[in-house]
C-alpha atoms as a PDB file:
ATOM      1  CA  MET A   1      99.991  59.733 130.568  1.00  0.00           C
ATOM      2  CA  LEU A   2      98.801  62.979 128.941  1.00  0.00           C
ATOM      3  CA  LEU A   3      95.161  63.187 127.882  1.00  0.00           C
ATOM      4  CA  ASP A   4      94.407  63.783 124.216  1.00  0.00           C
ATOM      5  CA  THR A   5      92.292  66.716 123.017  1.00  0.00           C
ATOM      6  CA  ALA A   6      89.122  64.648 122.673  1.00  0.00           C
ATOM      7  CA  GLN A   7      89.355  63.468 126.271  1.00  0.00           C
ATOM      8  CA  LYS A   8      89.883  67.047 127.431  1.00  0.00           C
ATOM      9  CA  GLY A   9      86.896  68.330 125.458  1.00  0.00           C
ATOM     10  CA  ILE A  10      88.943  70.730 123.321  1.00  0.00           C
ATOM     11  CA  THR A  11      87.845  71.724 119.836  1.00  0.00           C
ATOM     12  CA  LEU A  12      90.313  73.157 117.342  1.00  0.00           C
ATOM     13  CA  ASP A  13      89.471  76.272 115.345  1.00  0.00           C
ATOM     14  CA  LYS A  14      92.209  76.483 112.736  1.00  0.00           C
ATOM     15  CA  ASP A  15      90.245  76.451 109.486  1.00  0.00           C
ATOM     16  CA  ILE A  16      89.052  80.061 109.431  1.00  0.00           C
ATOM     17  CA  ILE A  17      89.754  82.040 106.269  1.00  0.00           C
ATOM     18  CA  LYS A  18      90.879  85.637 106.823  1.00  0.00           C
ATOM     19  CA  ILE A  19      91.334  88.321 104.179  1.00  0.00           C
ATOM     20  CA  ARG A  20      93.122  91.686 104.396  1.00  0.00           C
ATOM     21  CA  GLU A  21      93.332  94.307 101.661  1.00  0.00           C
ATOM     22  CA  PHE A  22      95.180  97.638 101.465  1.00  0.00           C
ATOM     23  CA  PRO A  23      94.907  99.271  98.020  1.00  0.00           C
ATOM     24  CA  GLU A  24      97.361 101.990  99.066  1.00  0.00           C
ATOM     25  CA  HIS A  25     100.012  99.265  99.447  1.00  0.00           C
ATOM     26  CA  ASN A  26      98.930  97.273  96.359  1.00  0.00           C
ATOM     27  CA  TYR A  27      98.270  94.416  98.755  1.00  0.00           C
ATOM     28  CA  LYS A  28      95.732  91.700  99.337  1.00  0.00           C
ATOM     29  CA  ALA A  29      96.328  88.568 101.398  1.00  0.00           C
ATOM     30  CA  ILE A  30      94.383  85.446 102.240  1.00  0.00           C
ATOM     31  CA  TRP A  31      95.196  83.471 105.386  1.00  0.00           C
ATOM     32  CA  PHE A  32      94.073  79.877 105.827  1.00  0.00           C
ATOM     33  CA  ASN A  33      95.284  77.086 108.080  1.00  0.00           C
ATOM     34  CA  GLY A  34      98.373  79.036 109.135  1.00  0.00           C
ATOM     35  CA  LYS A  35      99.488  79.903 105.607  1.00  0.00           C
ATOM     36  CA  THR A  36      99.368  83.299 103.881  1.00  0.00           C
ATOM     37  CA  ILE A  37      98.835  83.850 100.156  1.00  0.00           C
ATOM     38  CA  ARG A  38      99.790  87.379  99.033  1.00  0.00           C
ATOM     39  CA  LEU A  39      98.372  89.018  95.916  1.00  0.00           C
ATOM     40  CA  THR A  40      99.225  92.263  94.167  1.00  0.00           C
ATOM     41  CA  LEU A  41      96.175  94.304  93.182  1.00  0.00           C
ATOM     42  CA  ASN A  42      98.176  95.737  90.303  1.00  0.00           C
ATOM     43  CA  PRO A  43     100.427  92.975  88.912  1.00  0.00           C
ATOM     44  CA  LYS A  44     102.757  95.578  87.385  1.00  0.00           C
ATOM     45  CA  GLU A  45     103.604  97.073  90.777  1.00  0.00           C
ATOM     46  CA  GLU A  46     105.145  95.635  93.947  1.00  0.00           C
ATOM     47  CA  ILE A  47     103.632  95.544  97.408  1.00  0.00           C
ATOM     48  CA  THR A  48     104.894  98.369  99.616  1.00  0.00           C
ATOM     49  CA  GLU A  49     105.601  98.307 103.361  1.00  0.00           C
ATOM     50  CA  LEU A  50     102.417  97.715 105.309  1.00  0.00           C
ATOM     51  CA  LYS A  51     101.219 100.273 107.842  1.00  0.00           C
ATOM     52  CA  TYR A  52      99.376  97.419 109.571  1.00  0.00           C
ATOM     53  CA  PRO A  53     101.600  94.310 109.376  1.00  0.00           C
ATOM     54  CA  GLU A  54     100.189  90.856 108.807  1.00  0.00           C
ATOM     55  CA  PHE A  55     102.429  89.412 111.550  1.00  0.00           C
ATOM     56  CA  TYR A  56     103.815  90.699 114.871  1.00  0.00           C
ATOM     57  CA  ASP A  57     106.465  89.388 117.236  1.00  0.00           C
ATOM     58  CA  VAL A  58     105.251  90.355 120.717  1.00  0.00           C
ATOM     59  CA  LYS A  59     107.640  90.370 123.678  1.00  0.00           C
ATOM     60  CA  ILE A  60     105.911  89.854 127.038  1.00  0.00           C
ATOM     61  CA  THR A  61     108.808  89.259 129.429  1.00  0.00           C
ATOM     62  CA  GLY A  62     112.547  89.500 129.883  1.00  0.00           C
ATOM     63  CA  TYR A  63     112.602  86.597 132.363  1.00  0.00           C
ATOM     64  CA  CYS A  64     114.293  83.343 131.354  1.00  0.00           C
ATOM     65  CA  GLU A  65     116.166  80.569 133.159  1.00  0.00           C
ATOM     66  CA  GLY A  66     117.921  79.277 130.034  1.00  0.00           C
ATOM     67  CA  LYS A  67     121.203  81.176 130.556  1.00  0.00           C
ATOM     68  CA  CYS A  68     122.026  81.055 126.845  1.00  0.00           C
ATOM     69  CA  PRO A  69     125.385  82.825 126.325  1.00  0.00           C
ATOM     70  CA  TRP A  70     124.248  84.039 122.887  1.00  0.00           C
ATOM     71  CA  CYS A  71     120.855  85.460 123.940  1.00  0.00           C
ATOM     72  CA  TYR A  72     120.164  88.394 121.627  1.00  0.00           C
ATOM     73  CA  MET A  73     117.596  89.734 124.120  1.00  0.00           C
ATOM     74  CA  SER A  74     119.943  89.457 127.142  1.00  0.00           C
ATOM     75  CA  SER A  75     117.172  87.655 129.037  1.00  0.00           C
ATOM     76  CA  SER A  76     117.940  86.341 132.524  1.00  0.00           C
ATOM     77  CA  GLN A  77     116.475  85.235 135.857  1.00  0.00           C
ATOM     78  CA  ASP A  78     117.017  88.776 137.116  1.00  0.00           C
ATOM     79  CA  ASP A  79     114.597  90.228 134.560  1.00  0.00           C
ATOM     80  CA  GLN A  80     110.974  90.925 135.397  1.00  0.00           C
ATOM     81  CA  HIS A  81     107.726  89.876 133.780  1.00  0.00           C
ATOM     82  CA  TYR A  82     105.936  92.767 132.092  1.00  0.00           C
ATOM     83  CA  GLU A  83     102.811  93.965 133.882  1.00  0.00           C
ATOM     84  CA  ASN A  84      99.262  94.231 132.516  1.00  0.00           C
ATOM     85  CA  ILE A  85     100.116  92.435 129.274  1.00  0.00           C
ATOM     86  CA  VAL A  86      96.528  91.360 128.558  1.00  0.00           C
ATOM     87  CA  GLU A  87      95.219  94.909 128.957  1.00  0.00           C
ATOM     88  CA  LYS A  88      98.053  96.258 126.793  1.00  0.00           C
ATOM     89  CA  VAL A  89      97.291  93.807 123.989  1.00  0.00           C
ATOM     90  CA  ILE A  90      93.565  94.573 124.061  1.00  0.00           C
ATOM     91  CA  ASP A  91      94.231  98.331 124.122  1.00  0.00           C
ATOM     92  CA  TYR A  92      96.690  98.069 121.213  1.00  0.00           C
ATOM     93  CA  PHE A  93      94.972  95.624 118.864  1.00  0.00           C
ATOM     94  CA  GLY A  94      91.365  96.083 119.996  1.00  0.00           C
ATOM     95  CA  PRO A  95      90.728  99.447 118.293  1.00  0.00           C
ATOM     96  CA  MET A  96      92.010  98.079 114.961  1.00  0.00           C
ATOM     97  CA  SER A  97      89.456  97.008 112.393  1.00  0.00           C
ATOM     98  CA  LYS A  98      89.400  93.348 111.345  1.00  0.00           C
ATOM     99  CA  ASN A  99      91.204  94.390 108.183  1.00  0.00           C
ATOM    100  CA  GLU A 100      93.945  96.111 110.191  1.00  0.00           C
ATOM    101  CA  ARG A 101      94.532  93.355 112.717  1.00  0.00           C
ATOM    102  CA  PRO A 102      97.363  90.907 111.946  1.00  0.00           C
ATOM    103  CA  PHE A 103      96.628  87.379 110.873  1.00  0.00           C
ATOM    104  CA  GLN A 104      98.828  86.034 113.647  1.00  0.00           C
ATOM    105  CA  VAL A 105     101.407  86.861 116.307  1.00  0.00           C
ATOM    106  CA  ALA A 106     104.429  85.110 117.786  1.00  0.00           C
ATOM    107  CA  VAL A 107     104.612  85.610 121.551  1.00  0.00           C
ATOM    108  CA  GLY A 108     108.116  85.623 122.971  1.00  0.00           C
ATOM    109  CA  GLY A 109     110.447  86.939 125.626  1.00  0.00           C
ATOM    110  CA  GLY A 110     112.455  85.790 127.573  1.00  0.00           C
ATOM    111  CA  GLU A 111     110.562  82.588 128.141  1.00  0.00           C
ATOM    112  CA  PRO A 112     106.892  83.506 127.547  1.00  0.00           C
ATOM    113  CA  THR A 113     105.412  80.399 129.196  1.00  0.00           C
ATOM    114  CA  SER A 114     106.841  81.570 132.532  1.00  0.00           C
ATOM    115  CA  HIS A 115     104.607  84.657 132.579  1.00  0.00           C
ATOM    116  CA  PRO A 116     101.659  84.223 134.994  1.00  0.00           C
ATOM    117  CA  GLN A 117      99.282  85.773 132.434  1.00  0.00           C
ATOM    118  CA  PHE A 118     100.539  83.674 129.516  1.00  0.00           C
ATOM    119  CA  ILE A 119      97.419  81.545 128.950  1.00  0.00           C
ATOM    120  CA  GLU A 120      95.130  84.516 129.540  1.00  0.00           C
ATOM    121  CA  LEU A 121      97.111  86.389 126.877  1.00  0.00           C
ATOM    122  CA  LEU A 122      96.641  83.573 124.349  1.00  0.00           C
ATOM    123  CA  ARG A 123      92.903  83.731 124.951  1.00  0.00           C
ATOM    124  CA  ALA A 124      92.910  87.520 124.529  1.00  0.00           C
ATOM    125  CA  PHE A 125      94.558  87.246 121.106  1.00  0.00           C
ATOM    126  CA  LYS A 126      92.149  84.511 120.086  1.00  0.00           C
ATOM    127  CA  SER A 127      89.168  86.643 121.156  1.00  0.00           C
ATOM    128  CA  LEU A 128      90.430  89.404 118.853  1.00  0.00           C
ATOM    129  CA  GLY A 129      90.529  87.030 115.876  1.00  0.00           C
ATOM    130  CA  ILE A 130      94.343  86.941 115.921  1.00  0.00           C
ATOM    131  CA  GLU A 131      96.054  83.544 115.828  1.00  0.00           C
ATOM    132  CA  PRO A 132      98.578  83.252 118.695  1.00  0.00           C
ATOM    133  CA  ASN A 133     101.804  81.290 118.346  1.00  0.00           C
ATOM    134  CA  TYR A 134     104.807  81.328 120.639  1.00  0.00           C
ATOM    135  CA  THR A 135     108.466  80.403 121.006  1.00  0.00           C
ATOM    136  CA  THR A 136     109.722  78.371 123.969  1.00  0.00           C
ATOM    137  CA  ASN A 137     112.915  76.712 125.187  1.00  0.00           C
ATOM    138  CA  GLY A 138     110.802  73.927 126.719  1.00  0.00           C
ATOM    139  CA  MET A 139     111.571  74.868 130.332  1.00  0.00           C
ATOM    140  CA  TRP A 140     108.004  74.484 131.560  1.00  0.00           C
ATOM    141  CA  ASP A 141     106.120  71.709 133.308  1.00  0.00           C
ATOM    142  CA  SER A 142     102.406  72.416 133.082  1.00  0.00           C
ATOM    143  CA  GLU A 143      99.580  70.466 131.512  1.00  0.00           C
ATOM    144  CA  ASP A 144      97.596  73.728 131.434  1.00  0.00           C
ATOM    145  CA  ILE A 145     100.154  75.203 129.034  1.00  0.00           C
ATOM    146  CA  LEU A 146     100.033  72.077 126.898  1.00  0.00           C
ATOM    147  CA  TYR A 147      96.232  72.062 126.665  1.00  0.00           C
ATOM    148  CA  ALA A 148      96.099  75.821 125.995  1.00  0.00           C
ATOM    149  CA  SER A 149      98.645  75.379 123.191  1.00  0.00           C
ATOM    150  CA  SER A 150      96.493  72.697 121.588  1.00  0.00           C
ATOM    151  CA  GLU A 151      93.277  74.653 122.025  1.00  0.00           C
ATOM    152  CA  LEU A 152      94.401  78.178 121.158  1.00  0.00           C
ATOM    153  CA  CYS A 153      97.629  78.235 119.167  1.00  0.00           C
ATOM    154  CA  GLY A 154      98.276  77.913 115.475  1.00  0.00           C
ATOM    155  CA  GLY A 155     101.677  76.467 116.307  1.00  0.00           C
ATOM    156  CA  VAL A 156     104.637  76.440 118.657  1.00  0.00           C
ATOM    157  CA  ALA A 157     108.311  77.057 117.907  1.00  0.00           C
ATOM    158  CA  VAL A 158     110.767  75.167 120.106  1.00  0.00           C
ATOM    159  CA  SER A 159     114.286  76.587 120.411  1.00  0.00           C
ATOM    160  CA  CYS A 160     116.703  73.660 120.137  1.00  0.00           C
ATOM    161  CA  HIS A 161     119.594  74.954 122.239  1.00  0.00           C
ATOM    162  CA  PRO A 162     122.242  72.250 122.882  1.00  0.00           C
ATOM    163  CA  HIS A 163     122.554  72.884 126.639  1.00  0.00           C
ATOM    164  CA  LEU A 164     118.748  72.668 127.074  1.00  0.00           C
ATOM    165  CA  LYS A 165     118.269  69.480 125.053  1.00  0.00           C
ATOM    166  CA  ILE A 166     116.519  67.538 127.827  1.00  0.00           C
ATOM    167  CA  PHE A 167     113.919  70.309 128.125  1.00  0.00           C
ATOM    168  CA  TRP A 168     113.157  71.000 124.477  1.00  0.00           C
ATOM    169  CA  GLU A 169     113.075  67.333 123.476  1.00  0.00           C
ATOM    170  CA  ASN A 170     110.604  66.485 126.261  1.00  0.00           C
ATOM    171  CA  ALA A 171     108.461  69.496 125.328  1.00  0.00           C
ATOM    172  CA  ALA A 172     108.525  68.525 121.644  1.00  0.00           C
ATOM    173  CA  HIS A 173     107.257  65.017 122.412  1.00  0.00           C
ATOM    174  CA  ASP A 174     104.482  66.450 124.611  1.00  0.00           C
ATOM    175  CA  TYR A 175     103.377  68.908 121.917  1.00  0.00           C
ATOM    176  CA  LEU A 176     103.311  66.183 119.302  1.00  0.00           C
ATOM    177  CA  SER A 177     101.239  63.949 121.578  1.00  0.00           C
ATOM    178  CA  MET A 178      98.596  66.700 121.578  1.00  0.00           C
ATOM    179  CA  GLY A 179      98.683  67.317 117.830  1.00  0.00           C
ATOM    180  CA  VAL A 180     100.266  70.767 118.142  1.00  0.00           C
ATOM    181  CA  LYS A 181     101.821  72.109 114.946  1.00  0.00           C
ATOM    182  CA  LEU A 182     105.522  72.203 115.764  1.00  0.00           C
ATOM    183  CA  ASN A 183     108.544  74.049 114.382  1.00  0.00           C
ATOM    184  CA  PHE A 184     112.153  73.900 115.554  1.00  0.00           C
ATOM    185  CA  HIS A 185     114.308  77.035 115.799  1.00  0.00           C
ATOM    186  CA  LEU A 186     118.044  76.563 115.348  1.00  0.00           C
ATOM    187  CA  ILE A 187     120.762  79.214 115.523  1.00  0.00           C
ATOM    188  CA  ILE A 188     123.282  78.957 112.703  1.00  0.00           C
ATOM    189  CA  SER A 189     126.857  80.242 112.806  1.00  0.00           C
ATOM    190  CA  ASP A 190     129.915  77.981 112.444  1.00  0.00           C
ATOM    191  CA  LYS A 191     130.378  74.420 111.189  1.00  0.00           C
ATOM    192  CA  GLU A 192     129.617  72.952 114.626  1.00  0.00           C
ATOM    193  CA  SER A 193     126.209  74.651 114.748  1.00  0.00           C
ATOM    194  CA  ILE A 194     125.433  73.506 111.202  1.00  0.00           C
ATOM    195  CA  ASP A 195     126.387  69.894 112.003  1.00  0.00           C
ATOM    196  CA  TYR A 196     124.171  70.128 115.095  1.00  0.00           C
ATOM    197  CA  PHE A 197     121.277  71.304 112.926  1.00  0.00           C
ATOM    198  CA  MET A 198     121.788  68.423 110.493  1.00  0.00           C
ATOM    199  CA  ASP A 199     121.835  65.879 113.341  1.00  0.00           C
ATOM    200  CA  ILE A 200     118.484  67.209 114.557  1.00  0.00           C
ATOM    201  CA  TYR A 201     117.117  67.390 111.011  1.00  0.00           C
ATOM    202  CA  ASN A 202     117.990  63.748 110.327  1.00  0.00           C
ATOM    203  CA  LYS A 203     116.375  62.643 113.598  1.00  0.00           C
ATOM    204  CA  TRP A 204     113.178  64.710 113.346  1.00  0.00           C
ATOM    205  CA  TYR A 205     112.638  64.828 109.562  1.00  0.00           C
ATOM    206  CA  GLY A 206     109.025  64.052 108.717  1.00  0.00           C
ATOM    207  CA  ILE A 207     107.933  64.428 112.348  1.00  0.00           C
ATOM    208  CA  ILE A 208     107.726  68.209 112.792  1.00  0.00           C
ATOM    209  CA  ASP A 209     106.470  70.846 110.353  1.00  0.00           C
ATOM    210  CA  TYR A 210     109.447  73.153 109.802  1.00  0.00           C
ATOM    211  CA  PHE A 211     113.072  73.597 110.786  1.00  0.00           C
ATOM    212  CA  VAL A 212     113.556  77.367 111.044  1.00  0.00           C
ATOM    213  CA  LEU A 213     117.148  78.554 110.740  1.00  0.00           C
ATOM    214  CA  LEU A 214     118.107  81.803 112.470  1.00  0.00           C
ATOM    215  CA  PRO A 215     121.428  83.534 111.847  1.00  0.00           C
ATOM    216  CA  TYR A 216     123.611  84.116 114.901  1.00  0.00           C
ATOM    217  CA  THR A 217     123.326  87.843 115.610  1.00  0.00           C
ATOM    218  CA  ALA A 218     125.802  89.968 117.583  1.00  0.00           C
ATOM    219  CA  GLN A 219     123.162  91.552 119.779  1.00  0.00           C
ATOM    220  CA  GLY A 220     122.478  91.359 123.514  1.00  0.00           C
ATOM    221  CA  ARG A 221     124.888  88.827 125.098  1.00  0.00           C
ATOM    222  CA  ALA A 222     125.918  87.385 121.742  1.00  0.00           C
ATOM    223  CA  GLU A 223     129.460  88.172 120.680  1.00  0.00           C
ATOM    224  CA  LYS A 224     130.375  88.618 117.032  1.00  0.00           C
ATOM    225  CA  LYS A 225     130.584  85.369 115.096  1.00  0.00           C
ATOM    226  CA  GLU A 226     130.932  84.534 111.427  1.00  0.00           C
ATOM    227  CA  ILE A 227     128.210  82.580 109.665  1.00  0.00           C
ATOM    228  CA  ASP A 228     129.581  79.823 107.436  1.00  0.00           C
ATOM    229  CA  TRP A 229     126.991  80.211 104.674  1.00  0.00           C
ATOM    230  CA  GLU A 230     128.932  78.137 102.156  1.00  0.00           C
ATOM    231  CA  TYR A 231     129.151  75.177 104.540  1.00  0.00           C
ATOM    232  CA  LEU A 232     125.439  75.488 105.314  1.00  0.00           C
ATOM    233  CA  ILE A 233     124.556  75.340 101.607  1.00  0.00           C
ATOM    234  CA  GLN A 234     126.912  72.390 101.182  1.00  0.00           C
ATOM    235  CA  LYS A 235     125.230  70.428 103.995  1.00  0.00           C
ATOM    236  CA  MET A 236     121.632  71.315 103.127  1.00  0.00           C
ATOM    237  CA  PRO A 237     119.461  68.415 101.927  1.00  0.00           C
ATOM    238  CA  ASP A 238     118.315  68.441  98.301  1.00  0.00           C
ATOM    239  CA  ASN A 239     114.678  68.891  99.295  1.00  0.00           C
ATOM    240  CA  THR A 240     114.336  72.008 101.456  1.00  0.00           C
ATOM    241  CA  LYS A 241     110.539  72.207 101.582  1.00  0.00           C
ATOM    242  CA  ASP A 242     110.500  71.772 105.375  1.00  0.00           C
ATOM    243  CA  ILE A 243     113.354  74.239 106.026  1.00  0.00           C
ATOM    244  CA  ALA A 244     112.584  77.918 106.559  1.00  0.00           C
ATOM    245  CA  PHE A 245     114.887  80.864 107.091  1.00  0.00           C
ATOM    246  CA  GLY A 246     114.545  83.688 109.596  1.00  0.00           C
ATOM    247  CA  ALA A 247     114.369  87.266 108.346  1.00  0.00           C
ATOM    248  CA  GLY A 248     118.073  87.798 109.088  1.00  0.00           C
ATOM    249  CA  PHE A 249     118.996  85.267 106.421  1.00  0.00           C
ATOM    250  CA  TYR A 250     117.247  87.195 103.656  1.00  0.00           C
ATOM    251  CA  PRO A 251     120.450  88.942 102.420  1.00  0.00           C
ATOM    252  CA  TYR A 252     122.226  85.567 102.267  1.00  0.00           C
ATOM    253  CA  LEU A 253     119.395  84.018 100.268  1.00  0.00           C
ATOM    254  CA  LEU A 254     119.737  86.750  97.653  1.00  0.00           C
ATOM    255  CA  HIS A 255     123.203  85.397  96.767  1.00  0.00           C
ATOM    256  CA  LYS A 256     121.495  82.826  94.526  1.00  0.00           C
ATOM    257  CA  ASN A 257     124.180  80.166  95.104  1.00  0.00           C
ATOM    258  CA  HIS A 258     121.481  77.654  96.034  1.00  0.00           C
ATOM    259  CA  ASN A 259     118.187  76.122  94.895  1.00  0.00           C
ATOM    260  CA  ILE A 260     116.112  77.590  97.734  1.00  0.00           C
ATOM    261  CA  ASN A 261     112.972  79.545  96.916  1.00  0.00           C
ATOM    262  CA  VAL A 262     113.284  83.162  98.032  1.00  0.00           C
ATOM    263  CA  SER A 263     110.424  85.515  98.823  1.00  0.00           C
ATOM    264  CA  LEU A 264     110.114  88.543  96.569  1.00  0.00           C
ATOM    265  CA  TYR A 265     109.672  90.771  99.618  1.00  0.00           C
ATOM    266  CA  GLU A 266     111.871  91.550 102.582  1.00  0.00           C
ATOM    267  CA  PRO A 267     110.183  90.096 105.693  1.00  0.00           C
ATOM    268  CA  GLU A 268     110.337  93.409 107.552  1.00  0.00           C
ATOM    269  CA  ILE A 269     107.772  95.049 105.261  1.00  0.00           C
ATOM    270  CA  MET A 270     105.192  92.436 106.323  1.00  0.00           C
ATOM    271  CA  SER A 271     105.969  92.131 110.048  1.00  0.00           C
ATOM    272  CA  LYS A 272     106.979  94.128 113.119  1.00  0.00           C
ATOM    273  CA  PHE A 273     108.252  93.584 116.665  1.00  0.00           C
ATOM    274  CA  LEU A 274     106.165  94.949 119.559  1.00  0.00           C
ATOM    275  CA  ASP A 275     107.769  95.223 123.015  1.00  0.00           C
ATOM    276  CA  LEU A 276     104.983  95.314 125.614  1.00  0.00           C
ATOM    277  CA  LYS A 277     107.300  96.743 128.263  1.00  0.00           C
ATOM    278  CA  ASP A 278     107.119 100.252 126.804  1.00  0.00           C
ATOM    279  CA  MET A 279     104.759  99.571 123.872  1.00  0.00           C
ATOM    280  CA  LYS A 280     107.426 100.488 121.335  1.00  0.00           C
ATOM    281  CA  LEU A 281     107.261  99.090 117.797  1.00  0.00           C
ATOM    282  CA  TYR A 282     110.459  98.009 116.018  1.00  0.00           C
ATOM    283  CA  LYS A 283     111.319  96.677 112.572  1.00  0.00           C
ATOM    284  CA  SER A 284     112.103  93.251 114.056  1.00  0.00           C
ATOM    285  CA  SER A 285     113.544  91.615 117.150  1.00  0.00           C
ATOM    286  CA  PHE A 286     116.897  91.511 115.332  1.00  0.00           C
ATOM    287  CA  ASN A 287     116.591  95.096 114.083  1.00  0.00           C
ATOM    288  CA  LEU A 288     115.641  97.364 116.975  1.00  0.00           C
ATOM    289  CA  MET A 289     114.981 100.408 114.835  1.00  0.00           C
ATOM    290  CA  GLU A 290     111.786 102.096 115.961  1.00  0.00           C
ATOM    291  CA  VAL A 291     109.016 102.629 113.425  1.00  0.00           C
END
């Protein structure tokens, strides 16, 4: 039986209000309880691409035991954990002012929980006033990771890969038992993948926070595949308030053949992808164009 947060003596610190403002980008944002409200300083103008993003994806390892044939990062058991990740994060984000630091980050890999400095890294982000989140395939077995997730993280995204179902389902139940804010990541391509998403949606509706749909991307080990957008729209439930779309779906959402609310801004002007291996900054993990 897993202990709850009260028994473990953990206090949650998720109600801090953060504000960032960049007049040169016509941008002001307020972050509270994991949600961001963006404001234009001049309502007649749009927000421009931020020099200091409000959100970073941060890759800390290439190691993963999942063996997903579609892995867009080509992660494997032969890959190595990145070294000195805590020092790199402190050196990169530490010199930034509070206004320049992102509201939050998503730690990934590979499988980030497998990194020996993973929990220390979460604490480093928290000490900088940056909310850490992470993505996992559920292939971990550590109460320390579970408690650290409850204590330090704004939320966790679980990748719902079919061949790893026993792992991600067990992890999801453990996270929920600790009150961790939980999202599911699902890769969308053909009808089979869409039906798989709907099966999971019908089972977990009302239990987790968001179902995040990511378009299958021909990158890394993933071969080219068509995305059946029309079938996805046909199968979508009428109420999509708990369904979110990854940045790669933005061009599809602009088609307007749906009743889904679409952000005014392309996600890549608000976020960036930082690879700690060589400290290079990219537009996103699906768009490896250096910035």
